[in-house]
Amino acid sequence: MLIINDILAFIIELVAIVLYAMTAYQLSENRVIKILLVISTIIVFAFLWGRFFAPSATNPLQGWIRWVLEFVILFTPWPLYFQEKYGIITLAGVIIIVNLMVQALIGRSNLG
């Protein structure tokens, strides 16, 4: 169960990065600006994730604040990219919540 959950968590993180990058790419008509936005978005995500949410985070968040912020960071790109596709957005939200709950139950995320 741990390996499956870890793989799912990693896939969710990768999809979030890709969706953030795809959303950033659509923000401008200028190709150079598009590329800079995509690179900046990926760097900001990696910085935040490595600083606060990764298993080896330098300043890991604890308790409910971590759980809520992790959900927000992972879920935010779904409505941004899949505008008005409520089924996809809802499914993504449910999968993310279930994954975070499993992580909390197996001790990967401290909700205390």
PDB file of N, CA and C in Angstrom:
ATOM      1  N   MET A   1       0.820  -1.206   0.000  1.00  0.00           N
ATOM      2  CA  MET A   1       0.000   0.000   0.000  1.00  0.00           C
ATOM      3  C   MET A   1       0.862   1.268   0.000  1.00  0.00           C
ATOM      4  N   LEU A   2       1.986   1.217   0.741  1.00  0.00           N
ATOM      5  CA  LEU A   2       2.849   2.389   0.811  1.00  0.00           C
ATOM      6  C   LEU A   2       3.416   2.752  -0.553  1.00  0.00           C
ATOM      7  N   ILE A   3       3.859   1.759  -1.290  1.00  0.00           N
ATOM      8  CA  ILE A   3       4.463   2.026  -2.596  1.00  0.00           C
ATOM      9  C   ILE A   3       3.427   2.599  -3.552  1.00  0.00           C
ATOM     10  N   ILE A   4       2.229   2.031  -3.561  1.00  0.00           N
ATOM     11  CA  ILE A   4       1.164   2.528  -4.445  1.00  0.00           C
ATOM     12  C   ILE A   4       0.835   3.975  -4.098  1.00  0.00           C
ATOM     13  N   ASN A   5       0.721   4.274  -2.812  1.00  0.00           N
ATOM     14  CA  ASN A   5       0.403   5.638  -2.386  1.00  0.00           C
ATOM     15  C   ASN A   5       1.533   6.597  -2.740  1.00  0.00           C
ATOM     16  N   ASP A   6       2.773   6.160  -2.552  1.00  0.00           N
ATOM     17  CA  ASP A   6       3.910   7.014  -2.899  1.00  0.00           C
ATOM     18  C   ASP A   6       3.952   7.296  -4.401  1.00  0.00           C
ATOM     19  N   ILE A   7       3.677   6.280  -5.199  1.00  0.00           N
ATOM     20  CA  ILE A   7       3.652   6.464  -6.655  1.00  0.00           C
ATOM     21  C   ILE A   7       2.522   7.415  -7.034  1.00  0.00           C
ATOM     22  N   LEU A   8       1.335   7.239  -6.436  1.00  0.00           N
ATOM     23  CA  LEU A   8       0.203   8.128  -6.721  1.00  0.00           C
ATOM     24  C   LEU A   8       0.528   9.563  -6.306  1.00  0.00           C
ATOM     25  N   ALA A   9       1.144   9.734  -5.147  1.00  0.00           N
ATOM     26  CA  ALA A   9       1.510  11.081  -4.690  1.00  0.00           C
ATOM     27  C   ALA A   9       2.490  11.728  -5.667  1.00  0.00           C
ATOM     28  N   PHE A  10       3.464  10.957  -6.141  1.00  0.00           N
ATOM     29  CA  PHE A  10       4.444  11.478  -7.092  1.00  0.00           C
ATOM     30  C   PHE A  10       3.772  11.860  -8.413  1.00  0.00           C
ATOM     31  N   ILE A  11       2.848  11.028  -8.883  1.00  0.00           N
ATOM     32  CA  ILE A  11       2.124  11.328 -10.123  1.00  0.00           C
ATOM     33  C   ILE A  11       1.284  12.592  -9.954  1.00  0.00           C
ATOM     34  N   ILE A  12       0.618  12.737  -8.819  1.00  0.00           N
ATOM     35  CA  ILE A  12      -0.184  13.945  -8.560  1.00  0.00           C
ATOM     36  C   ILE A  12       0.705  15.182  -8.587  1.00  0.00           C
ATOM     37  N   GLU A  13       1.888  15.091  -7.987  1.00  0.00           N
ATOM     38  CA  GLU A  13       2.816  16.222  -7.987  1.00  0.00           C
ATOM     39  C   GLU A  13       3.268  16.549  -9.408  1.00  0.00           C
ATOM     40  N   LEU A  14       3.609  15.539 -10.177  1.00  0.00           N
ATOM     41  CA  LEU A  14       4.038  15.771 -11.559  1.00  0.00           C
ATOM     42  C   LEU A  14       2.928  16.390 -12.398  1.00  0.00           C
ATOM     43  N   VAL A  15       1.717  15.889 -12.233  1.00  0.00           N
ATOM     44  CA  VAL A  15       0.587  16.437 -12.990  1.00  0.00           C
ATOM     45  C   VAL A  15       0.353  17.893 -12.598  1.00  0.00           C
ATOM     46  N   ALA A  16       0.473  18.203 -11.307  1.00  0.00           N
ATOM     47  CA  ALA A  16       0.305  19.590 -10.869  1.00  0.00           C
ATOM     48  C   ALA A  16       1.351  20.492 -11.527  1.00  0.00           C
ATOM     49  N   ILE A  17       2.598  20.037 -11.580  1.00  0.00           N
ATOM     50  CA  ILE A  17       3.646  20.830 -12.225  1.00  0.00           C
ATOM     51  C   ILE A  17       3.322  21.048 -13.701  1.00  0.00           C
ATOM     52  N   VAL A  18       2.920  19.979 -14.377  1.00  0.00           N
ATOM     53  CA  VAL A  18       2.597  20.077 -15.802  1.00  0.00           C
ATOM     54  C   VAL A  18       1.428  21.028 -16.033  1.00  0.00           C
ATOM     55  N   LEU A  19       0.385  20.922 -15.213  1.00  0.00           N
ATOM     56  CA  LEU A  19      -0.781  21.795 -15.384  1.00  0.00           C
ATOM     57  C   LEU A  19      -0.443  23.255 -15.090  1.00  0.00           C
ATOM     58  N   TYR A  20       0.371  23.494 -14.064  1.00  0.00           N
ATOM     59  CA  TYR A  20       0.819  24.868 -13.810  1.00  0.00           C
ATOM     60  C   TYR A  20       1.585  25.400 -15.013  1.00  0.00           C
ATOM     61  N   ALA A  21       2.490  24.577 -15.552  1.00  0.00           N
ATOM     62  CA  ALA A  21       3.296  25.002 -16.704  1.00  0.00           C
ATOM     63  C   ALA A  21       2.418  25.252 -17.927  1.00  0.00           C
ATOM     64  N   MET A  22       1.446  24.381 -18.177  1.00  0.00           N
ATOM     65  CA  MET A  22       0.559  24.564 -19.330  1.00  0.00           C
ATOM     66  C   MET A  22      -0.288  25.822 -19.172  1.00  0.00           C
ATOM     67  N   THR A  23      -0.726  26.093 -17.954  1.00  0.00           N
ATOM     68  CA  THR A  23      -1.501  27.304 -17.703  1.00  0.00           C
ATOM     69  C   THR A  23      -0.622  28.536 -17.907  1.00  0.00           C
ATOM     70  N   ALA A  24       0.606  28.497 -17.394  1.00  0.00           N
ATOM     71  CA  ALA A  24       1.525  29.627 -17.564  1.00  0.00           C
ATOM     72  C   ALA A  24       1.826  29.858 -19.035  1.00  0.00           C
ATOM     73  N   TYR A  25       1.935  28.794 -19.809  1.00  0.00           N
ATOM     74  CA  TYR A  25       2.238  28.902 -21.230  1.00  0.00           C
ATOM     75  C   TYR A  25       1.128  29.641 -21.982  1.00  0.00           C
ATOM     76  N   GLN A  26      -0.088  29.523 -21.514  1.00  0.00           N
ATOM     77  CA  GLN A  26      -1.226  30.146 -22.190  1.00  0.00           C
ATOM     78  C   GLN A  26      -1.417  31.623 -21.828  1.00  0.00           C
ATOM     79  N   LEU A  27      -0.619  32.145 -20.925  1.00  0.00           N
ATOM     80  CA  LEU A  27      -0.824  33.506 -20.438  1.00  0.00           C
ATOM     81  C   LEU A  27      -0.315  34.598 -21.368  1.00  0.00           C
ATOM     82  N   SER A  28       0.517  34.249 -22.318  1.00  0.00           N
ATOM     83  CA  SER A  28       1.091  35.262 -23.193  1.00  0.00           C
ATOM     84  C   SER A  28       1.113  34.777 -24.634  1.00  0.00           C
ATOM     85  N   GLU A  29       1.172  35.733 -25.544  1.00  0.00           N
ATOM     86  CA  GLU A  29       1.288  35.413 -26.966  1.00  0.00           C
ATOM     87  C   GLU A  29       2.750  35.358 -27.404  1.00  0.00           C
ATOM     88  N   ASN A  30       3.615  36.038 -26.682  1.00  0.00           N
ATOM     89  CA  ASN A  30       5.031  36.097 -27.004  1.00  0.00           C
ATOM     90  C   ASN A  30       5.722  34.804 -26.567  1.00  0.00           C
ATOM     91  N   ARG A  31       6.392  34.136 -27.505  1.00  0.00           N
ATOM     92  CA  ARG A  31       7.008  32.836 -27.222  1.00  0.00           C
ATOM     93  C   ARG A  31       8.071  32.921 -26.124  1.00  0.00           C
ATOM     94  N   VAL A  32       8.878  33.957 -26.124  1.00  0.00           N
ATOM     95  CA  VAL A  32       9.922  34.108 -25.105  1.00  0.00           C
ATOM     96  C   VAL A  32       9.287  34.263 -23.722  1.00  0.00           C
ATOM     97  N   ILE A  33       8.264  35.087 -23.642  1.00  0.00           N
ATOM     98  CA  ILE A  33       7.576  35.276 -22.357  1.00  0.00           C
ATOM     99  C   ILE A  33       6.916  33.977 -21.916  1.00  0.00           C
ATOM    100  N   LYS A  34       6.327  33.230 -22.845  1.00  0.00           N
ATOM    101  CA  LYS A  34       5.718  31.932 -22.510  1.00  0.00           C
ATOM    102  C   LYS A  34       6.746  31.012 -21.864  1.00  0.00           C
ATOM    103  N   ILE A  35       7.915  30.928 -22.476  1.00  0.00           N
ATOM    104  CA  ILE A  35       8.958  30.046 -21.953  1.00  0.00           C
ATOM    105  C   ILE A  35       9.437  30.524 -20.586  1.00  0.00           C
ATOM    106  N   LEU A  36       9.610  31.826 -20.429  1.00  0.00           N
ATOM    107  CA  LEU A  36      10.022  32.362 -19.132  1.00  0.00           C
ATOM    108  C   LEU A  36       8.977  32.112 -18.054  1.00  0.00           C
ATOM    109  N   LEU A  37       7.705  32.261 -18.418  1.00  0.00           N
ATOM    110  CA  LEU A  37       6.633  31.979 -17.460  1.00  0.00           C
ATOM    111  C   LEU A  37       6.616  30.511 -17.048  1.00  0.00           C
ATOM    112  N   VAL A  38       6.798  29.623 -18.006  1.00  0.00           N
ATOM    113  CA  VAL A  38       6.813  28.190 -17.698  1.00  0.00           C
ATOM    114  C   VAL A  38       7.983  27.853 -16.780  1.00  0.00           C
ATOM    115  N   ILE A  39       9.158  28.339 -17.118  1.00  0.00           N
ATOM    116  CA  ILE A  39      10.340  28.073 -16.289  1.00  0.00           C
ATOM    117  C   ILE A  39      10.170  28.647 -14.892  1.00  0.00           C
ATOM    118  N   SER A  40       9.668  29.873 -14.802  1.00  0.00           N
ATOM    119  CA  SER A  40       9.443  30.516 -13.506  1.00  0.00           C
ATOM    120  C   SER A  40       8.435  29.735 -12.671  1.00  0.00           C
ATOM    121  N   THR A  41       7.380  29.283 -13.310  1.00  0.00           N
ATOM    122  CA  THR A  41       6.346  28.524 -12.605  1.00  0.00           C
ATOM    123  C   THR A  41       6.908  27.235 -12.033  1.00  0.00           C
ATOM    124  N   ILE A  42       7.688  26.529 -12.827  1.00  0.00           N
ATOM    125  CA  ILE A  42       8.279  25.278 -12.363  1.00  0.00           C
ATOM    126  C   ILE A  42       9.259  25.529 -11.219  1.00  0.00           C
ATOM    127  N   ILE A  43      10.044  26.578 -11.318  1.00  0.00           N
ATOM    128  CA  ILE A  43      11.007  26.897 -10.262  1.00  0.00           C
ATOM    129  C   ILE A  43      10.282  27.250  -8.961  1.00  0.00           C
ATOM    130  N   VAL A  44       9.235  28.055  -9.047  1.00  0.00           N
ATOM    131  CA  VAL A  44       8.474  28.431  -7.840  1.00  0.00           C
ATOM    132  C   VAL A  44       7.839  27.198  -7.207  1.00  0.00           C
ATOM    133  N   PHE A  45       7.230  26.327  -8.026  1.00  0.00           N
ATOM    134  CA  PHE A  45       6.628  25.110  -7.488  1.00  0.00           C
ATOM    135  C   PHE A  45       7.689  24.254  -6.807  1.00  0.00           C
ATOM    136  N   ALA A  46       8.817  24.037  -7.480  1.00  0.00           N
ATOM    137  CA  ALA A  46       9.881  23.205  -6.918  1.00  0.00           C
ATOM    138  C   ALA A  46      10.423  23.798  -5.620  1.00  0.00           C
ATOM    139  N   PHE A  47      10.578  25.111  -5.589  1.00  0.00           N
ATOM    140  CA  PHE A  47      11.064  25.770  -4.372  1.00  0.00           C
ATOM    141  C   PHE A  47      10.094  25.561  -3.215  1.00  0.00           C
ATOM    142  N   LEU A  48       8.812  25.858  -3.451  1.00  0.00           N
ATOM    143  CA  LEU A  48       7.814  25.702  -2.390  1.00  0.00           C
ATOM    144  C   LEU A  48       7.708  24.253  -1.933  1.00  0.00           C
ATOM    145  N   TRP A  49       7.697  23.347  -2.895  1.00  0.00           N
ATOM    146  CA  TRP A  49       7.552  21.930  -2.551  1.00  0.00           C
ATOM    147  C   TRP A  49       8.760  21.440  -1.754  1.00  0.00           C
ATOM    148  N   GLY A  50       9.946  21.788  -2.217  1.00  0.00           N
ATOM    149  CA  GLY A  50      11.153  21.352  -1.530  1.00  0.00           C
ATOM    150  C   GLY A  50      11.334  21.993  -0.170  1.00  0.00           C
ATOM    151  N   ARG A  51      10.836  23.182  -0.030  1.00  0.00           N
ATOM    152  CA  ARG A  51      10.980  23.912   1.232  1.00  0.00           C
ATOM    153  C   ARG A  51       9.983  23.475   2.302  1.00  0.00           C
ATOM    154  N   PHE A  52       8.735  23.172   1.895  1.00  0.00           N
ATOM    155  CA  PHE A  52       7.694  22.944   2.886  1.00  0.00           C
ATOM    156  C   PHE A  52       7.003  21.574   2.833  1.00  0.00           C
ATOM    157  N   PHE A  53       7.005  20.885   1.692  1.00  0.00           N
ATOM    158  CA  PHE A  53       6.164  19.697   1.555  1.00  0.00           C
ATOM    159  C   PHE A  53       6.897  18.399   1.256  1.00  0.00           C
ATOM    160  N   ALA A  54       8.085  18.456   0.716  1.00  0.00           N
ATOM    161  CA  ALA A  54       8.821  17.242   0.360  1.00  0.00           C
ATOM    162  C   ALA A  54       9.181  16.461   1.629  1.00  0.00           C
ATOM    163  N   PRO A  55       9.370  15.145   1.497  1.00  0.00           N
ATOM    164  CA  PRO A  55       9.751  14.354   2.675  1.00  0.00           C
ATOM    165  C   PRO A  55      11.036  14.862   3.346  1.00  0.00           C
ATOM    166  N   SER A  56      11.939  15.436   2.573  1.00  0.00           N
ATOM    167  CA  SER A  56      13.182  15.969   3.143  1.00  0.00           C
ATOM    168  C   SER A  56      13.171  17.499   3.136  1.00  0.00           C
ATOM    169  N   ALA A  57      12.003  18.091   3.346  1.00  0.00           N
ATOM    170  CA  ALA A  57      11.846  19.550   3.301  1.00  0.00           C
ATOM    171  C   ALA A  57      12.715  20.226   4.347  1.00  0.00           C
ATOM    172  N   THR A  58      13.230  21.408   3.996  1.00  0.00           N
ATOM    173  CA  THR A  58      14.078  22.151   4.928  1.00  0.00           C
ATOM    174  C   THR A  58      13.263  22.769   6.070  1.00  0.00           C
ATOM    175  N   ASN A  59      12.049  23.201   5.793  1.00  0.00           N
ATOM    176  CA  ASN A  59      11.145  23.762   6.809  1.00  0.00           C
ATOM    177  C   ASN A  59       9.775  23.106   6.682  1.00  0.00           C
ATOM    178  N   PRO A  60       9.665  21.827   7.031  1.00  0.00           N
ATOM    179  CA  PRO A  60       8.396  21.141   6.803  1.00  0.00           C
ATOM    180  C   PRO A  60       7.259  21.723   7.648  1.00  0.00           C
ATOM    181  N   LEU A  61       6.122  21.858   7.019  1.00  0.00           N
ATOM    182  CA  LEU A  61       4.930  22.302   7.735  1.00  0.00           C
ATOM    183  C   LEU A  61       4.338  21.101   8.467  1.00  0.00           C
ATOM    184  N   GLN A  62       3.620  21.374   9.538  1.00  0.00           N
ATOM    185  CA  GLN A  62       3.038  20.311  10.346  1.00  0.00           C
ATOM    186  C   GLN A  62       1.542  20.521  10.499  1.00  0.00           C
ATOM    187  N   GLY A  63       0.854  19.452  10.805  1.00  0.00           N
ATOM    188  CA  GLY A  63      -0.548  19.516  11.157  1.00  0.00           C
ATOM    189  C   GLY A  63      -1.470  19.864  10.004  1.00  0.00           C
ATOM    190  N   TRP A  64      -2.611  20.440  10.371  1.00  0.00           N
ATOM    191  CA  TRP A  64      -3.660  20.743   9.396  1.00  0.00           C
ATOM    192  C   TRP A  64      -3.227  21.782   8.374  1.00  0.00           C
ATOM    193  N   ILE A  65      -2.382  22.712   8.788  1.00  0.00           N
ATOM    194  CA  ILE A  65      -1.954  23.748   7.855  1.00  0.00           C
ATOM    195  C   ILE A  65      -1.201  23.122   6.682  1.00  0.00           C
ATOM    196  N   ARG A  66      -0.383  22.121   6.960  1.00  0.00           N
ATOM    197  CA  ARG A  66       0.327  21.432   5.882  1.00  0.00           C
ATOM    198  C   ARG A  66      -0.661  20.734   4.956  1.00  0.00           C
ATOM    199  N   TRP A  67      -1.612  20.041   5.548  1.00  0.00           N
ATOM    200  CA  TRP A  67      -2.583  19.275   4.774  1.00  0.00           C
ATOM    201  C   TRP A  67      -3.384  20.202   3.862  1.00  0.00           C
ATOM    202  N   VAL A  68      -3.855  21.294   4.403  1.00  0.00           N
ATOM    203  CA  VAL A  68      -4.667  22.238   3.628  1.00  0.00           C
ATOM    204  C   VAL A  68      -3.829  22.905   2.536  1.00  0.00           C
ATOM    205  N   LEU A  69      -2.644  23.383   2.883  1.00  0.00           N
ATOM    206  CA  LEU A  69      -1.800  24.041   1.877  1.00  0.00           C
ATOM    207  C   LEU A  69      -1.332  23.071   0.799  1.00  0.00           C
ATOM    208  N   GLU A  70      -1.045  21.833   1.180  1.00  0.00           N
ATOM    209  CA  GLU A  70      -0.660  20.832   0.184  1.00  0.00           C
ATOM    210  C   GLU A  70      -1.820  20.564  -0.775  1.00  0.00           C
ATOM    211  N   PHE A  71      -3.031  20.480  -0.232  1.00  0.00           N
ATOM    212  CA  PHE A  71      -4.199  20.305  -1.096  1.00  0.00           C
ATOM    213  C   PHE A  71      -4.352  21.491  -2.043  1.00  0.00           C
ATOM    214  N   VAL A  72      -4.228  22.693  -1.512  1.00  0.00           N
ATOM    215  CA  VAL A  72      -4.399  23.906  -2.331  1.00  0.00           C
ATOM    216  C   VAL A  72      -3.366  23.934  -3.460  1.00  0.00           C
ATOM    217  N   ILE A  73      -2.114  23.649  -3.142  1.00  0.00           N
ATOM    218  CA  ILE A  73      -1.068  23.688  -4.166  1.00  0.00           C
ATOM    219  C   ILE A  73      -1.278  22.615  -5.222  1.00  0.00           C
ATOM    220  N   LEU A  74      -1.691  21.423  -4.812  1.00  0.00           N
ATOM    221  CA  LEU A  74      -1.894  20.339  -5.776  1.00  0.00           C
ATOM    222  C   LEU A  74      -3.182  20.499  -6.573  1.00  0.00           C
ATOM    223  N   PHE A  75      -4.204  21.105  -5.983  1.00  0.00           N
ATOM    224  CA  PHE A  75      -5.510  21.202  -6.642  1.00  0.00           C
ATOM    225  C   PHE A  75      -5.666  22.449  -7.501  1.00  0.00           C
ATOM    226  N   THR A  76      -5.010  23.539  -7.155  1.00  0.00           N
ATOM    227  CA  THR A  76      -5.187  24.821  -7.847  1.00  0.00           C
ATOM    228  C   THR A  76      -5.048  24.758  -9.364  1.00  0.00           C
ATOM    229  N   PRO A  77      -4.083  24.018  -9.934  1.00  0.00           N
ATOM    230  CA  PRO A  77      -3.975  24.057 -11.392  1.00  0.00           C
ATOM    231  C   PRO A  77      -5.115  23.366 -12.131  1.00  0.00           C
ATOM    232  N   TRP A  78      -5.849  22.495 -11.473  1.00  0.00           N
ATOM    233  CA  TRP A  78      -6.930  21.763 -12.154  1.00  0.00           C
ATOM    234  C   TRP A  78      -8.030  22.696 -12.644  1.00  0.00           C
ATOM    235  N   PRO A  79      -8.624  23.537 -11.783  1.00  0.00           N
ATOM    236  CA  PRO A  79      -9.647  24.465 -12.299  1.00  0.00           C
ATOM    237  C   PRO A  79      -9.077  25.506 -13.249  1.00  0.00           C
ATOM    238  N   LEU A  80      -7.797  25.872 -13.058  1.00  0.00           N
ATOM    239  CA  LEU A  80      -7.194  26.856 -13.955  1.00  0.00           C
ATOM    240  C   LEU A  80      -7.084  26.313 -15.378  1.00  0.00           C
ATOM    241  N   TYR A  81      -6.707  25.042 -15.499  1.00  0.00           N
ATOM    242  CA  TYR A  81      -6.500  24.486 -16.826  1.00  0.00           C
ATOM    243  C   TYR A  81      -7.777  23.895 -17.416  1.00  0.00           C
ATOM    244  N   PHE A  82      -8.535  23.180 -16.620  1.00  0.00           N
ATOM    245  CA  PHE A  82      -9.756  22.529 -17.115  1.00  0.00           C
ATOM    246  C   PHE A  82     -10.978  23.383 -16.790  1.00  0.00           C
ATOM    247  N   GLN A  83     -11.022  24.570 -17.326  1.00  0.00           N
ATOM    248  CA  GLN A  83     -12.130  25.483 -17.046  1.00  0.00           C
ATOM    249  C   GLN A  83     -13.450  24.875 -17.502  1.00  0.00           C
ATOM    250  N   GLU A  84     -14.418  24.895 -16.610  1.00  0.00           N
ATOM    251  CA  GLU A  84     -15.791  24.424 -16.854  1.00  0.00           C
ATOM    252  C   GLU A  84     -15.887  22.939 -17.171  1.00  0.00           C
ATOM    253  N   LYS A  85     -14.860  22.158 -16.850  1.00  0.00           N
ATOM    254  CA  LYS A  85     -14.932  20.698 -16.966  1.00  0.00           C
ATOM    255  C   LYS A  85     -15.020  20.161 -15.539  1.00  0.00           C
ATOM    256  N   TYR A  86     -16.202  20.299 -14.969  1.00  0.00           N
ATOM    257  CA  TYR A  86     -16.392  20.061 -13.547  1.00  0.00           C
ATOM    258  C   TYR A  86     -16.173  18.607 -13.140  1.00  0.00           C
ATOM    259  N   GLY A  87     -16.438  17.672 -14.027  1.00  0.00           N
ATOM    260  CA  GLY A  87     -16.216  16.271 -13.712  1.00  0.00           C
ATOM    261  C   GLY A  87     -14.743  15.977 -13.489  1.00  0.00           C
ATOM    262  N   ILE A  88     -13.897  16.493 -14.363  1.00  0.00           N
ATOM    263  CA  ILE A  88     -12.446  16.300 -14.234  1.00  0.00           C
ATOM    264  C   ILE A  88     -11.934  16.985 -12.969  1.00  0.00           C
ATOM    265  N   ILE A  89     -12.403  18.199 -12.727  1.00  0.00           N
ATOM    266  CA  ILE A  89     -11.963  18.960 -11.557  1.00  0.00           C
ATOM    267  C   ILE A  89     -12.377  18.244 -10.270  1.00  0.00           C
ATOM    268  N   THR A  90     -13.605  17.760 -10.216  1.00  0.00           N
ATOM    269  CA  THR A  90     -14.092  17.057  -9.031  1.00  0.00           C
ATOM    270  C   THR A  90     -13.322  15.768  -8.801  1.00  0.00           C
ATOM    271  N   LEU A  91     -13.102  15.002  -9.859  1.00  0.00           N
ATOM    272  CA  LEU A  91     -12.351  13.755  -9.744  1.00  0.00           C
ATOM    273  C   LEU A  91     -10.941  14.025  -9.234  1.00  0.00           C
ATOM    274  N   ALA A  92     -10.291  15.041  -9.762  1.00  0.00           N
ATOM    275  CA  ALA A  92      -8.942  15.394  -9.301  1.00  0.00           C
ATOM    276  C   ALA A  92      -8.958  15.750  -7.818  1.00  0.00           C
ATOM    277  N   GLY A  93      -9.936  16.554  -7.398  1.00  0.00           N
ATOM    278  CA  GLY A  93     -10.038  16.928  -5.990  1.00  0.00           C
ATOM    279  C   GLY A  93     -10.225  15.725  -5.085  1.00  0.00           C
ATOM    280  N   VAL A  94     -11.070  14.801  -5.493  1.00  0.00           N
ATOM    281  CA  VAL A  94     -11.313  13.596  -4.697  1.00  0.00           C
ATOM    282  C   VAL A  94     -10.046  12.751  -4.609  1.00  0.00           C
ATOM    283  N   ILE A  95      -9.369  12.567  -5.734  1.00  0.00           N
ATOM    284  CA  ILE A  95      -8.136  11.772  -5.732  1.00  0.00           C
ATOM    285  C   ILE A  95      -7.080  12.402  -4.833  1.00  0.00           C
ATOM    286  N   ILE A  96      -6.944  13.706  -4.899  1.00  0.00           N
ATOM    287  CA  ILE A  96      -5.958  14.391  -4.061  1.00  0.00           C
ATOM    288  C   ILE A  96      -6.315  14.252  -2.587  1.00  0.00           C
ATOM    289  N   ILE A  97      -7.579  14.448  -2.242  1.00  0.00           N
ATOM    290  CA  ILE A  97      -7.998  14.315  -0.842  1.00  0.00           C
ATOM    291  C   ILE A  97      -7.779  12.896  -0.338  1.00  0.00           C
ATOM    292  N   VAL A  98      -8.160  11.902  -1.126  1.00  0.00           N
ATOM    293  CA  VAL A  98      -7.966  10.509  -0.709  1.00  0.00           C
ATOM    294  C   VAL A  98      -6.481  10.219  -0.513  1.00  0.00           C
ATOM    295  N   ASN A  99      -5.653  10.688  -1.434  1.00  0.00           N
ATOM    296  CA  ASN A  99      -4.214  10.480  -1.295  1.00  0.00           C
ATOM    297  C   ASN A  99      -3.676  11.127  -0.025  1.00  0.00           C
ATOM    298  N   LEU A 100      -4.093  12.344   0.256  1.00  0.00           N
ATOM    299  CA  LEU A 100      -3.630  13.018   1.468  1.00  0.00           C
ATOM    300  C   LEU A 100      -4.130  12.312   2.726  1.00  0.00           C
ATOM    301  N   MET A 101      -5.347  11.778   2.676  1.00  0.00           N
ATOM    302  CA  MET A 101      -5.874  11.037   3.824  1.00  0.00           C
ATOM    303  C   MET A 101      -5.076   9.752   4.058  1.00  0.00           C
ATOM    304  N   VAL A 102      -4.777   9.050   2.986  1.00  0.00           N
ATOM    305  CA  VAL A 102      -3.975   7.827   3.112  1.00  0.00           C
ATOM    306  C   VAL A 102      -2.595   8.164   3.665  1.00  0.00           C
ATOM    307  N   GLN A 103      -1.997   9.239   3.175  1.00  0.00           N
ATOM    308  CA  GLN A 103      -0.698   9.650   3.712  1.00  0.00           C
ATOM    309  C   GLN A 103      -0.783   9.925   5.208  1.00  0.00           C
ATOM    310  N   ALA A 104      -1.847  10.572   5.632  1.00  0.00           N
ATOM    311  CA  ALA A 104      -2.014  10.861   7.059  1.00  0.00           C
ATOM    312  C   ALA A 104      -2.207   9.569   7.857  1.00  0.00           C
ATOM    313  N   LEU A 105      -2.974   8.638   7.303  1.00  0.00           N
ATOM    314  CA  LEU A 105      -3.228   7.384   8.017  1.00  0.00           C
ATOM    315  C   LEU A 105      -1.991   6.507   8.136  1.00  0.00           C
ATOM    316  N   ILE A 106      -1.114   6.549   7.151  1.00  0.00           N
ATOM    317  CA  ILE A 106       0.090   5.708   7.207  1.00  0.00           C
ATOM    318  C   ILE A 106       1.283   6.433   7.805  1.00  0.00           C
ATOM    319  N   GLY A 107       1.063   7.656   8.250  1.00  0.00           N
ATOM    320  CA  GLY A 107       2.106   8.378   8.968  1.00  0.00           C
ATOM    321  C   GLY A 107       3.016   9.235   8.115  1.00  0.00           C
ATOM    322  N   ARG A 108       2.674   9.451   6.855  1.00  0.00           N
ATOM    323  CA  ARG A 108       3.515  10.284   5.992  1.00  0.00           C
ATOM    324  C   ARG A 108       3.243  11.777   6.212  1.00  0.00           C
ATOM    325  N   SER A 109       2.102  12.088   6.786  1.00  0.00           N
ATOM    326  CA  SER A 109       1.742  13.483   7.008  1.00  0.00           C
ATOM    327  C   SER A 109       1.138  13.612   8.396  1.00  0.00           C
ATOM    328  N   ASN A 110       1.731  14.429   9.222  1.00  0.00           N
ATOM    329  CA  ASN A 110       1.289  14.592  10.601  1.00  0.00           C
ATOM    330  C   ASN A 110       0.143  15.599  10.673  1.00  0.00           C
ATOM    331  N   LEU A 111      -1.049  15.111  11.021  1.00  0.00           N
ATOM    332  CA  LEU A 111      -2.192  16.009  11.133  1.00  0.00           C
ATOM    333  C   LEU A 111      -2.398  16.509  12.557  1.00  0.00           C
ATOM    334  N   GLY A 112      -1.596  16.089  13.470  1.00  0.00           N
ATOM    335  CA  GLY A 112      -1.753  16.420  14.880  1.00  0.00           C
ATOM    336  C   GLY A 112      -1.582  17.801  15.242  1.00  0.00           C
TER     337      GLY A 112
END
